[in-house]
Amino acid sequence: MRPSTFSIVGYDPVRQEWGVAVASKFLAAGAVVMHAQAGAGAVATQAHANVSYGPRGLELMGGGVPAQETVRQLTGADEERHLRQLGVVDACGRSATFTGEGCIPWAGGIAGEGFACQGNILAGEQVVRAMADAFVTASGPLARRLHAALLAGDRAGGDRRGRQSAGILVVRAGGGYGGLSDRYMDLRVDDHPDPVVELGRLIDLHDLYFLPPAPEDILPLDEALITEIQHALARLRYWDGPVDGRWTPELEAALSTYEGVENLEERHRRGPEIDRKVLAHLRRHAQQARERQGVAPGGTDAGGPGGPGCGPTWRT
């Protein structure tokens, strides 16, 4: 089987990030195609993929070998290079793409400043052209630009066999969990009817769970919002105190407990303020609980079942 796909490798010189994104009519294509290392570069290996291109390419580029020479060395030593497809971006953002003459058409790629996109068994050349245009014109972090390129390629026809999987890998020094690795983002949709769109949803969740709030997302809490938060936390069994619109250390602790259970600790705010996205999450969560418990949308109640004194319900 061949991970016949469309992919893009990219570099962000400001944030010093390198990344790969891929989509394919192939189960878990990201597990085969995506390779990246902070300070070295990124590699996409596909078609009749030689998976050794990933670690070997990163080793070469990590040692200072430029992108084009890395591709030359990898493919030059490979007797089946006519079946391979490869895209690389090096530590300095130089890029290269390679398509063997045995790849199933349409197959080809485009390399530009800070990116290379390539694909095989595509609907046509317009797929990689749409990807390149989207990456160049998109704004925001590298992950968003890579996803914009995937989405553009998908909308331009993508893999002509259909859709199945997508993935994204973005690295930067100290960017991983706890600052102990370079894996800033490593997300995959391994089997889904609309994987590129689903990957976008996962990127949104990544930002929700792992990024601190932007300044414009911090809301001061007035009496009405505090009362709403008290009602919501009571409905979810995190609050058994008064619903009186007063901000207290006890209420802040209850909200912090809720945020911890929901993996929203990065968005916790001290004092009478809240992150807009935490508030939206709390509202949605409380409404779901109300509907399960038989309270009509817009109805009122005094709190969660069991009444005051019920502690938080821990969920998996």
C-alpha atoms as a PDB file:
ATOM      1  CA  MET A   1       0.000   0.000   0.000  1.00  0.00           C
ATOM      2  CA  ARG A   2       1.115   3.550  -0.727  1.00  0.00           C
ATOM      3  CA  PRO A   3       0.295   6.577   1.439  1.00  0.00           C
ATOM      4  CA  SER A   4      -0.733   8.540  -1.636  1.00  0.00           C
ATOM      5  CA  THR A   5      -1.379  11.951  -0.244  1.00  0.00           C
ATOM      6  CA  PHE A   6      -0.947  15.688  -0.360  1.00  0.00           C
ATOM      7  CA  SER A   7       1.322  17.262   2.204  1.00  0.00           C
ATOM      8  CA  ILE A   8       3.142  20.448   3.115  1.00  0.00           C
ATOM      9  CA  VAL A   9       6.262  21.153   5.148  1.00  0.00           C
ATOM     10  CA  GLY A  10       6.766  24.674   6.461  1.00  0.00           C
ATOM     11  CA  TYR A  11       8.920  27.004   8.565  1.00  0.00           C
ATOM     12  CA  ASP A  12       8.127  30.049  10.709  1.00  0.00           C
ATOM     13  CA  PRO A  13      11.291  32.171  11.181  1.00  0.00           C
ATOM     14  CA  VAL A  14       9.701  34.392  13.840  1.00  0.00           C
ATOM     15  CA  ARG A  15       8.500  31.657  16.184  1.00  0.00           C
ATOM     16  CA  GLN A  16      11.297  29.284  15.081  1.00  0.00           C
ATOM     17  CA  GLU A  17       8.846  26.507  14.293  1.00  0.00           C
ATOM     18  CA  TRP A  18       8.980  23.724  11.718  1.00  0.00           C
ATOM     19  CA  GLY A  19       6.004  21.626  10.730  1.00  0.00           C
ATOM     20  CA  VAL A  20       4.332  19.084   8.466  1.00  0.00           C
ATOM     21  CA  ALA A  21       0.673  18.575   7.578  1.00  0.00           C
ATOM     22  CA  VAL A  22      -0.804  15.777   5.483  1.00  0.00           C
ATOM     23  CA  ALA A  23      -4.109  14.414   4.205  1.00  0.00           C
ATOM     24  CA  SER A  24      -4.789  11.170   2.378  1.00  0.00           C
ATOM     25  CA  LYS A  25      -7.142   8.356   1.449  1.00  0.00           C
ATOM     26  CA  PHE A  26      -4.961   6.136   3.621  1.00  0.00           C
ATOM     27  CA  LEU A  27      -5.367   4.992   7.222  1.00  0.00           C
ATOM     28  CA  ALA A  28      -3.281   7.053   9.682  1.00  0.00           C
ATOM     29  CA  ALA A  29      -1.132   8.653   6.974  1.00  0.00           C
ATOM     30  CA  GLY A  30       0.399  11.044   9.508  1.00  0.00           C
ATOM     31  CA  ALA A  31       2.119   8.137  11.264  1.00  0.00           C
ATOM     32  CA  VAL A  32       4.112   7.440   8.095  1.00  0.00           C
ATOM     33  CA  VAL A  33       4.537  10.831   6.459  1.00  0.00           C
ATOM     34  CA  MET A  34       5.325  13.380   9.202  1.00  0.00           C
ATOM     35  CA  HIS A  35       8.791  13.978  10.655  1.00  0.00           C
ATOM     36  CA  ALA A  36      10.179  17.144  12.252  1.00  0.00           C
ATOM     37  CA  GLN A  37      12.809  18.261  14.736  1.00  0.00           C
ATOM     38  CA  ALA A  38      13.396  21.718  16.167  1.00  0.00           C
ATOM     39  CA  GLY A  39      16.593  23.249  14.852  1.00  0.00           C
ATOM     40  CA  ALA A  40      16.831  20.693  12.044  1.00  0.00           C
ATOM     41  CA  GLY A  41      13.743  20.951   9.845  1.00  0.00           C
ATOM     42  CA  ALA A  42      10.749  18.969   8.642  1.00  0.00           C
ATOM     43  CA  VAL A  43      10.288  16.043   6.247  1.00  0.00           C
ATOM     44  CA  ALA A  44       7.237  14.590   4.480  1.00  0.00           C
ATOM     45  CA  THR A  45       7.859  11.166   2.923  1.00  0.00           C
ATOM     46  CA  GLN A  46       5.079   9.583   0.871  1.00  0.00           C
ATOM     47  CA  ALA A  47       3.977   7.677  -2.268  1.00  0.00           C
ATOM     48  CA  HIS A  48       5.777   4.316  -1.945  1.00  0.00           C
ATOM     49  CA  ALA A  49       7.198   5.897   1.212  1.00  0.00           C
ATOM     50  CA  ASN A  50      10.717   5.291   2.396  1.00  0.00           C
ATOM     51  CA  VAL A  51      10.157   5.979   6.091  1.00  0.00           C
ATOM     52  CA  SER A  52      13.898   6.142   6.715  1.00  0.00           C
ATOM     53  CA  TYR A  53      13.898   9.467   4.848  1.00  0.00           C
ATOM     54  CA  GLY A  54      12.398  11.025   7.969  1.00  0.00           C
ATOM     55  CA  PRO A  55      15.092  10.386  10.600  1.00  0.00           C
ATOM     56  CA  ARG A  56      17.915  10.392   8.043  1.00  0.00           C
ATOM     57  CA  GLY A  57      16.768  13.669   6.529  1.00  0.00           C
ATOM     58  CA  LEU A  58      16.526  15.301   9.951  1.00  0.00           C
ATOM     59  CA  GLU A  59      19.993  14.040  10.838  1.00  0.00           C
ATOM     60  CA  LEU A  60      21.444  15.522   7.655  1.00  0.00           C
ATOM     61  CA  MET A  61      19.710  18.887   8.041  1.00  0.00           C
ATOM     62  CA  GLY A  62      20.517  18.968  11.752  1.00  0.00           C
ATOM     63  CA  GLY A  63      24.148  18.707  10.726  1.00  0.00           C
ATOM     64  CA  GLY A  64      23.847  21.715   8.437  1.00  0.00           C
ATOM     65  CA  VAL A  65      23.105  20.032   5.106  1.00  0.00           C
ATOM     66  CA  PRO A  66      20.748  22.258   3.049  1.00  0.00           C
ATOM     67  CA  ALA A  67      17.339  21.052   1.919  1.00  0.00           C
ATOM     68  CA  GLN A  68      18.178  20.456  -1.743  1.00  0.00           C
ATOM     69  CA  GLU A  69      21.339  18.526  -0.915  1.00  0.00           C
ATOM     70  CA  THR A  70      19.448  16.501   1.685  1.00  0.00           C
ATOM     71  CA  VAL A  71      16.952  15.426  -0.975  1.00  0.00           C
ATOM     72  CA  ARG A  72      19.801  14.599  -3.365  1.00  0.00           C
ATOM     73  CA  GLN A  73      21.570  12.411  -0.805  1.00  0.00           C
ATOM     74  CA  LEU A  74      18.408  10.616   0.314  1.00  0.00           C
ATOM     75  CA  THR A  75      17.132   9.832  -3.157  1.00  0.00           C
ATOM     76  CA  GLY A  76      20.553   9.255  -4.710  1.00  0.00           C
ATOM     77  CA  ALA A  77      21.200   6.288  -2.432  1.00  0.00           C
ATOM     78  CA  ASP A  78      17.732   4.780  -3.001  1.00  0.00           C
ATOM     79  CA  GLU A  79      17.303   2.265  -5.824  1.00  0.00           C
ATOM     80  CA  GLU A  80      13.518   2.774  -5.697  1.00  0.00           C
ATOM     81  CA  ARG A  81      13.636   6.560  -5.790  1.00  0.00           C
ATOM     82  CA  HIS A  82      11.372   6.536  -8.856  1.00  0.00           C
ATOM     83  CA  LEU A  83       8.551   5.457  -6.504  1.00  0.00           C
ATOM     84  CA  ARG A  84       9.233   8.046  -3.783  1.00  0.00           C
ATOM     85  CA  GLN A  85       7.870  11.470  -3.058  1.00  0.00           C
ATOM     86  CA  LEU A  86       9.505  13.806  -0.589  1.00  0.00           C
ATOM     87  CA  GLY A  87       9.278  17.350   0.718  1.00  0.00           C
ATOM     88  CA  VAL A  88      11.740  18.985   3.108  1.00  0.00           C
ATOM     89  CA  VAL A  89      12.372  22.340   4.742  1.00  0.00           C
ATOM     90  CA  ASP A  90      15.668  22.854   6.560  1.00  0.00           C
ATOM     91  CA  ALA A  91      16.745  24.772   9.658  1.00  0.00           C
ATOM     92  CA  CYS A  92      17.031  28.025   7.686  1.00  0.00           C
ATOM     93  CA  GLY A  93      13.735  27.633   5.830  1.00  0.00           C
ATOM     94  CA  ARG A  94      15.262  26.476   2.533  1.00  0.00           C
ATOM     95  CA  SER A  95      12.989  23.958   0.868  1.00  0.00           C
ATOM     96  CA  ALA A  96      12.963  21.214  -1.745  1.00  0.00           C
ATOM     97  CA  THR A  97      10.495  18.733  -3.160  1.00  0.00           C
ATOM     98  CA  PHE A  98      11.030  15.516  -5.122  1.00  0.00           C
ATOM     99  CA  THR A  99       8.632  13.336  -7.117  1.00  0.00           C
ATOM    100  CA  GLY A 100       9.848  10.094  -8.645  1.00  0.00           C
ATOM    101  CA  GLU A 101       8.794   9.376 -12.216  1.00  0.00           C
ATOM    102  CA  GLY A 102       6.993   6.211 -11.068  1.00  0.00           C
ATOM    103  CA  CYS A 103       4.547   8.037  -8.772  1.00  0.00           C
ATOM    104  CA  ILE A 104       0.917   7.675  -9.822  1.00  0.00           C
ATOM    105  CA  PRO A 105      -0.439  10.820 -11.541  1.00  0.00           C
ATOM    106  CA  TRP A 106      -1.251  13.468 -10.974  1.00  0.00           C
ATOM    107  CA  ALA A 107       1.956  13.766  -8.993  1.00  0.00           C
ATOM    108  CA  GLY A 108       4.263  16.714  -8.379  1.00  0.00           C
ATOM    109  CA  GLY A 109       5.145  19.516  -6.023  1.00  0.00           C
ATOM    110  CA  ILE A 110       5.988  23.183  -5.511  1.00  0.00           C
ATOM    111  CA  ALA A 111       8.799  24.536  -3.344  1.00  0.00           C
ATOM    112  CA  GLY A 112       8.924  28.146  -2.191  1.00  0.00           C
ATOM    113  CA  GLU A 113      10.460  30.259   0.537  1.00  0.00           C
ATOM    114  CA  GLY A 114       9.847  28.451   3.807  1.00  0.00           C
ATOM    115  CA  PHE A 115       7.607  25.680   2.423  1.00  0.00           C
ATOM    116  CA  ALA A 116       7.237  22.765   0.032  1.00  0.00           C
ATOM    117  CA  CYS A 117       3.979  21.079  -0.912  1.00  0.00           C
ATOM    118  CA  GLN A 118       3.593  17.861  -2.889  1.00  0.00           C
ATOM    119  CA  GLY A 119       1.121  15.126  -3.674  1.00  0.00           C
ATOM    120  CA  ASN A 120       0.359  12.083  -5.766  1.00  0.00           C
ATOM    121  CA  ILE A 121      -2.839  10.442  -7.045  1.00  0.00           C
ATOM    122  CA  LEU A 122      -4.274  13.952  -6.937  1.00  0.00           C
ATOM    123  CA  ALA A 123      -7.230  15.457  -8.762  1.00  0.00           C
ATOM    124  CA  GLY A 124      -4.708  17.631 -10.615  1.00  0.00           C
ATOM    125  CA  GLU A 125      -1.937  20.204 -10.379  1.00  0.00           C
ATOM    126  CA  GLN A 126      -4.441  22.702  -8.997  1.00  0.00           C
ATOM    127  CA  VAL A 127      -4.267  20.908  -5.645  1.00  0.00           C
ATOM    128  CA  VAL A 128      -0.649  21.789  -4.885  1.00  0.00           C
ATOM    129  CA  ARG A 129      -1.042  25.252  -6.416  1.00  0.00           C
ATOM    130  CA  ALA A 130      -3.997  25.950  -4.123  1.00  0.00           C
ATOM    131  CA  MET A 131      -1.952  24.714  -1.154  1.00  0.00           C
ATOM    132  CA  ALA A 132       1.001  26.935  -1.988  1.00  0.00           C
ATOM    133  CA  ASP A 133      -1.199  29.992  -2.474  1.00  0.00           C
ATOM    134  CA  ALA A 134      -3.026  29.377   0.798  1.00  0.00           C
ATOM    135  CA  PHE A 135       0.170  28.958   2.803  1.00  0.00           C
ATOM    136  CA  VAL A 136       1.728  32.119   1.390  1.00  0.00           C
ATOM    137  CA  THR A 137      -1.353  34.284   1.946  1.00  0.00           C
ATOM    138  CA  ALA A 138      -2.491  32.884   5.318  1.00  0.00           C
ATOM    139  CA  SER A 139      -1.641  34.708   8.528  1.00  0.00           C
ATOM    140  CA  GLY A 140      -1.211  33.495  12.083  1.00  0.00           C
ATOM    141  CA  PRO A 141       0.848  30.710  13.649  1.00  0.00           C
ATOM    142  CA  LEU A 142       2.485  28.039  11.515  1.00  0.00           C
ATOM    143  CA  ALA A 143      -0.090  25.406  12.493  1.00  0.00           C
ATOM    144  CA  ARG A 144      -2.933  27.554  11.173  1.00  0.00           C
ATOM    145  CA  ARG A 145      -1.091  28.253   7.924  1.00  0.00           C
ATOM    146  CA  LEU A 146      -0.332  24.560   7.390  1.00  0.00           C
ATOM    147  CA  HIS A 147      -3.947  23.674   8.024  1.00  0.00           C
ATOM    148  CA  ALA A 148      -5.108  26.443   5.668  1.00  0.00           C
ATOM    149  CA  ALA A 149      -2.946  24.856   2.966  1.00  0.00           C
ATOM    150  CA  LEU A 150      -4.415  21.396   3.603  1.00  0.00           C
ATOM    151  CA  LEU A 151      -7.937  22.774   3.511  1.00  0.00           C
ATOM    152  CA  ALA A 152      -7.248  24.573   0.225  1.00  0.00           C
ATOM    153  CA  GLY A 153      -5.812  21.403  -1.315  1.00  0.00           C
ATOM    154  CA  ASP A 154      -8.786  19.385  -0.120  1.00  0.00           C
ATOM    155  CA  ARG A 155     -11.231  21.898  -1.613  1.00  0.00           C
ATOM    156  CA  ALA A 156      -9.304  21.871  -4.886  1.00  0.00           C
ATOM    157  CA  GLY A 157      -9.904  18.135  -5.270  1.00  0.00           C
ATOM    158  CA  GLY A 158      -7.275  16.571  -3.005  1.00  0.00           C
ATOM    159  CA  ASP A 159      -6.577  12.870  -3.243  1.00  0.00           C
ATOM    160  CA  ARG A 160      -8.692  11.717  -6.194  1.00  0.00           C
ATOM    161  CA  ARG A 161      -9.552   8.466  -4.389  1.00  0.00           C
ATOM    162  CA  GLY A 162     -11.318  10.310  -1.563  1.00  0.00           C
ATOM    163  CA  ARG A 163     -10.669  11.164   2.088  1.00  0.00           C
ATOM    164  CA  GLN A 164      -9.671   9.165   5.146  1.00  0.00           C
ATOM    165  CA  SER A 165      -6.971  10.707   7.362  1.00  0.00           C
ATOM    166  CA  ALA A 166      -5.066  13.888   8.148  1.00  0.00           C
ATOM    167  CA  GLY A 167      -2.381  15.013  10.559  1.00  0.00           C
ATOM    168  CA  ILE A 168      -0.219  17.905  11.675  1.00  0.00           C
ATOM    169  CA  LEU A 169       3.113  18.049  13.505  1.00  0.00           C
ATOM    170  CA  VAL A 170       4.698  21.334  14.629  1.00  0.00           C
ATOM    171  CA  VAL A 171       7.933  21.532  16.615  1.00  0.00           C
ATOM    172  CA  ARG A 172       9.924  24.236  18.350  1.00  0.00           C
ATOM    173  CA  ALA A 173      12.599  24.100  21.036  1.00  0.00           C
ATOM    174  CA  GLY A 174      10.949  23.609  24.426  1.00  0.00           C
ATOM    175  CA  GLY A 175       7.502  23.775  22.843  1.00  0.00           C
ATOM    176  CA  GLY A 176       6.264  20.407  24.105  1.00  0.00           C
ATOM    177  CA  TYR A 177       4.318  19.600  27.252  1.00  0.00           C
ATOM    178  CA  GLY A 178       6.079  21.025  30.279  1.00  0.00           C
ATOM    179  CA  GLY A 179       8.791  22.442  28.023  1.00  0.00           C
ATOM    180  CA  LEU A 180      10.518  19.047  28.029  1.00  0.00           C
ATOM    181  CA  SER A 181      10.288  18.238  24.316  1.00  0.00           C
ATOM    182  CA  ASP A 182      10.003  20.055  20.998  1.00  0.00           C
ATOM    183  CA  ARG A 183       6.566  18.653  20.040  1.00  0.00           C
ATOM    184  CA  TYR A 184       4.418  21.748  20.245  1.00  0.00           C
ATOM    185  CA  MET A 185       1.535  20.158  18.301  1.00  0.00           C
ATOM    186  CA  ASP A 186       1.126  16.538  17.250  1.00  0.00           C
ATOM    187  CA  LEU A 187      -2.429  15.785  16.146  1.00  0.00           C
ATOM    188  CA  ARG A 188      -3.868  13.092  13.909  1.00  0.00           C
ATOM    189  CA  VAL A 189      -7.235  12.140  12.494  1.00  0.00           C
ATOM    190  CA  ASP A 190      -6.613   8.540  11.512  1.00  0.00           C
ATOM    191  CA  ASP A 191      -9.988   7.517  10.040  1.00  0.00           C
ATOM    192  CA  HIS A 192     -12.777  10.030   9.379  1.00  0.00           C
ATOM    193  CA  PRO A 193     -15.127  10.943   6.499  1.00  0.00           C
ATOM    194  CA  ASP A 194     -13.945  14.596   6.547  1.00  0.00           C
ATOM    195  CA  PRO A 195     -10.483  14.441   8.139  1.00  0.00           C
ATOM    196  CA  VAL A 196      -9.134  17.880   7.190  1.00  0.00           C
ATOM    197  CA  VAL A 197     -12.121  19.653   8.736  1.00  0.00           C
ATOM    198  CA  GLU A 198     -11.907  17.396  11.797  1.00  0.00           C
ATOM    199  CA  LEU A 199      -8.208  18.220  12.108  1.00  0.00           C
ATOM    200  CA  GLY A 200      -9.175  21.889  12.280  1.00  0.00           C
ATOM    201  CA  ARG A 201     -11.469  21.094  15.219  1.00  0.00           C
ATOM    202  CA  LEU A 202      -8.594  19.359  17.013  1.00  0.00           C
ATOM    203  CA  ILE A 203      -6.338  22.374  16.433  1.00  0.00           C
ATOM    204  CA  ASP A 204      -9.037  24.538  18.020  1.00  0.00           C
ATOM    205  CA  LEU A 205      -9.087  22.195  21.028  1.00  0.00           C
ATOM    206  CA  HIS A 206      -5.295  22.279  21.253  1.00  0.00           C
ATOM    207  CA  ASP A 207      -5.413  26.065  21.447  1.00  0.00           C
ATOM    208  CA  LEU A 208      -8.218  25.950  24.021  1.00  0.00           C
ATOM    209  CA  TYR A 209      -6.412  23.543  26.325  1.00  0.00           C
ATOM    210  CA  PHE A 210      -2.779  24.569  25.975  1.00  0.00           C
ATOM    211  CA  LEU A 211      -2.659  28.303  25.207  1.00  0.00           C
ATOM    212  CA  PRO A 212      -3.122  31.102  27.754  1.00  0.00           C
ATOM    213  CA  PRO A 213      -5.926  33.577  27.060  1.00  0.00           C
ATOM    214  CA  ALA A 214      -5.315  36.477  24.707  1.00  0.00           C
ATOM    215  CA  PRO A 215      -5.737  39.895  26.358  1.00  0.00           C
ATOM    216  CA  GLU A 216      -8.934  40.515  24.412  1.00  0.00           C
ATOM    217  CA  ASP A 217     -10.427  37.298  25.827  1.00  0.00           C
ATOM    218  CA  ILE A 218     -10.185  38.369  29.481  1.00  0.00           C
ATOM    219  CA  LEU A 219     -13.542  39.522  30.821  1.00  0.00           C
ATOM    220  CA  PRO A 220     -14.057  41.483  34.062  1.00  0.00           C
ATOM    221  CA  LEU A 221     -16.769  39.921  36.220  1.00  0.00           C
ATOM    222  CA  ASP A 222     -19.757  41.994  37.228  1.00  0.00           C
ATOM    223  CA  GLU A 223     -22.569  40.882  39.513  1.00  0.00           C
ATOM    224  CA  ALA A 224     -24.620  39.385  36.686  1.00  0.00           C
ATOM    225  CA  LEU A 225     -21.750  37.260  35.351  1.00  0.00           C
ATOM    226  CA  ILE A 226     -20.760  36.136  38.844  1.00  0.00           C
ATOM    227  CA  THR A 227     -24.347  35.068  39.494  1.00  0.00           C
ATOM    228  CA  GLU A 228     -24.382  33.128  36.221  1.00  0.00           C
ATOM    229  CA  ILE A 229     -21.107  31.398  37.140  1.00  0.00           C
ATOM    230  CA  GLN A 230     -22.474  30.483  40.572  1.00  0.00           C
ATOM    231  CA  HIS A 231     -25.589  28.970  38.992  1.00  0.00           C
ATOM    232  CA  ALA A 232     -23.502  27.026  36.444  1.00  0.00           C
ATOM    233  CA  LEU A 233     -21.045  25.689  38.996  1.00  0.00           C
ATOM    234  CA  ALA A 234     -23.916  24.696  41.286  1.00  0.00           C
ATOM    235  CA  ARG A 235     -25.603  22.856  38.412  1.00  0.00           C
ATOM    236  CA  LEU A 236     -22.320  20.990  37.796  1.00  0.00           C
ATOM    237  CA  ARG A 237     -21.868  20.320  41.552  1.00  0.00           C
ATOM    238  CA  TYR A 238     -18.794  22.442  42.042  1.00  0.00           C
ATOM    239  CA  TRP A 239     -20.486  25.113  44.169  1.00  0.00           C
ATOM    240  CA  ASP A 240     -22.706  24.770  47.234  1.00  0.00           C
ATOM    241  CA  GLY A 241     -22.434  28.348  48.432  1.00  0.00           C
ATOM    242  CA  PRO A 242     -24.850  31.241  47.993  1.00  0.00           C
ATOM    243  CA  VAL A 243     -25.927  32.484  44.574  1.00  0.00           C
ATOM    244  CA  ASP A 244     -25.594  36.164  45.362  1.00  0.00           C
ATOM    245  CA  GLY A 245     -23.343  37.722  42.690  1.00  0.00           C
ATOM    246  CA  ARG A 246     -20.392  38.133  45.087  1.00  0.00           C
ATOM    247  CA  TRP A 247     -16.862  37.087  44.151  1.00  0.00           C
ATOM    248  CA  THR A 248     -15.113  35.276  47.008  1.00  0.00           C
ATOM    249  CA  PRO A 249     -11.969  33.164  47.439  1.00  0.00           C
ATOM    250  CA  GLU A 250     -14.245  30.136  47.823  1.00  0.00           C
ATOM    251  CA  LEU A 251     -15.944  30.818  44.501  1.00  0.00           C
ATOM    252  CA  GLU A 252     -12.582  31.309  42.797  1.00  0.00           C
ATOM    253  CA  ALA A 253     -11.436  27.960  44.221  1.00  0.00           C
ATOM    254  CA  ALA A 254     -14.583  26.260  42.905  1.00  0.00           C
ATOM    255  CA  LEU A 255     -14.053  27.723  39.440  1.00  0.00           C
ATOM    256  CA  SER A 256     -10.385  26.674  39.553  1.00  0.00           C
ATOM    257  CA  THR A 257     -11.421  23.111  40.432  1.00  0.00           C
ATOM    258  CA  TYR A 258     -13.810  23.058  37.477  1.00  0.00           C
ATOM    259  CA  GLU A 259     -11.087  24.379  35.162  1.00  0.00           C
ATOM    260  CA  GLY A 260      -8.705  21.673  36.377  1.00  0.00           C
ATOM    261  CA  VAL A 261     -11.193  18.873  35.728  1.00  0.00           C
ATOM    262  CA  GLU A 262     -11.871  20.277  32.255  1.00  0.00           C
ATOM    263  CA  ASN A 263      -8.126  20.678  31.465  1.00  0.00           C
ATOM    264  CA  LEU A 264      -8.478  24.464  31.262  1.00  0.00           C
ATOM    265  CA  GLU A 265      -5.829  25.325  33.872  1.00  0.00           C
ATOM    266  CA  GLU A 266      -3.805  27.363  31.372  1.00  0.00           C
ATOM    267  CA  ARG A 267      -6.737  29.768  31.104  1.00  0.00           C
ATOM    268  CA  HIS A 268      -7.293  30.289  34.840  1.00  0.00           C
ATOM    269  CA  ARG A 269      -7.460  33.919  35.940  1.00  0.00           C
ATOM    270  CA  ARG A 270      -6.964  35.204  39.486  1.00  0.00           C
ATOM    271  CA  GLY A 271      -9.348  37.809  40.796  1.00  0.00           C
ATOM    272  CA  PRO A 272     -12.790  38.799  39.505  1.00  0.00           C
ATOM    273  CA  GLU A 273     -12.184  38.004  35.838  1.00  0.00           C
ATOM    274  CA  ILE A 274     -12.573  35.022  33.504  1.00  0.00           C
ATOM    275  CA  ASP A 275     -11.333  33.899  30.114  1.00  0.00           C
ATOM    276  CA  ARG A 276     -14.050  34.265  27.484  1.00  0.00           C
ATOM    277  CA  LYS A 277     -13.440  30.705  26.210  1.00  0.00           C
ATOM    278  CA  VAL A 278     -13.688  29.239  29.730  1.00  0.00           C
ATOM    279  CA  LEU A 279     -16.994  31.057  30.184  1.00  0.00           C
ATOM    280  CA  ALA A 280     -18.293  29.676  26.876  1.00  0.00           C
ATOM    281  CA  HIS A 281     -17.174  26.166  27.865  1.00  0.00           C
ATOM    282  CA  LEU A 282     -18.848  26.500  31.281  1.00  0.00           C
ATOM    283  CA  ARG A 283     -22.088  27.761  29.739  1.00  0.00           C
ATOM    284  CA  ARG A 284     -22.193  24.910  27.230  1.00  0.00           C
ATOM    285  CA  HIS A 285     -21.356  22.320  29.893  1.00  0.00           C
ATOM    286  CA  ALA A 286     -23.989  23.651  32.299  1.00  0.00           C
ATOM    287  CA  GLN A 287     -26.656  23.741  29.585  1.00  0.00           C
ATOM    288  CA  GLN A 288     -25.917  20.133  28.665  1.00  0.00           C
ATOM    289  CA  ALA A 289     -26.303  19.161  32.333  1.00  0.00           C
ATOM    290  CA  ARG A 290     -29.587  21.079  32.573  1.00  0.00           C
ATOM    291  CA  GLU A 291     -30.982  19.317  29.513  1.00  0.00           C
ATOM    292  CA  ARG A 292     -29.953  15.909  30.869  1.00  0.00           C
ATOM    293  CA  GLN A 293     -31.639  16.745  34.155  1.00  0.00           C
ATOM    294  CA  GLY A 294     -34.870  17.823  32.483  1.00  0.00           C
ATOM    295  CA  VAL A 295     -34.627  21.617  32.753  1.00  0.00           C
ATOM    296  CA  ALA A 296     -35.877  23.275  29.557  1.00  0.00           C
ATOM    297  CA  PRO A 297     -33.526  25.736  27.795  1.00  0.00           C
ATOM    298  CA  GLY A 298     -34.019  29.145  29.401  1.00  0.00           C
ATOM    299  CA  GLY A 299     -35.526  27.611  32.560  1.00  0.00           C
ATOM    300  CA  THR A 300     -34.256  28.304  36.052  1.00  0.00           C
ATOM    301  CA  ASP A 301     -33.338  26.072  38.960  1.00  0.00           C
ATOM    302  CA  ALA A 302     -31.503  26.225  42.259  1.00  0.00           C
ATOM    303  CA  GLY A 303     -28.551  24.002  41.409  1.00  0.00           C
ATOM    304  CA  GLY A 304     -27.516  20.439  40.777  1.00  0.00           C
ATOM    305  CA  PRO A 305     -29.420  17.350  41.907  1.00  0.00           C
ATOM    306  CA  GLY A 306     -28.658  16.455  45.512  1.00  0.00           C
ATOM    307  CA  GLY A 307     -28.728  20.085  46.626  1.00  0.00           C
ATOM    308  CA  PRO A 308     -26.135  22.033  48.586  1.00  0.00           C
ATOM    309  CA  GLY A 309     -23.177  20.045  49.825  1.00  0.00           C
ATOM    310  CA  CYS A 310     -22.744  17.881  46.724  1.00  0.00           C
ATOM    311  CA  GLY A 311     -19.107  17.962  45.653  1.00  0.00           C
ATOM    312  CA  PRO A 312     -17.694  17.961  42.117  1.00  0.00           C
ATOM    313  CA  THR A 313     -18.456  14.998  39.898  1.00  0.00           C
ATOM    314  CA  TRP A 314     -15.174  13.657  38.522  1.00  0.00           C
ATOM    315  CA  ARG A 315     -15.461  12.462  34.962  1.00  0.00           C
ATOM    316  CA  THR A 316     -13.375  10.555  32.457  1.00  0.00           C
END
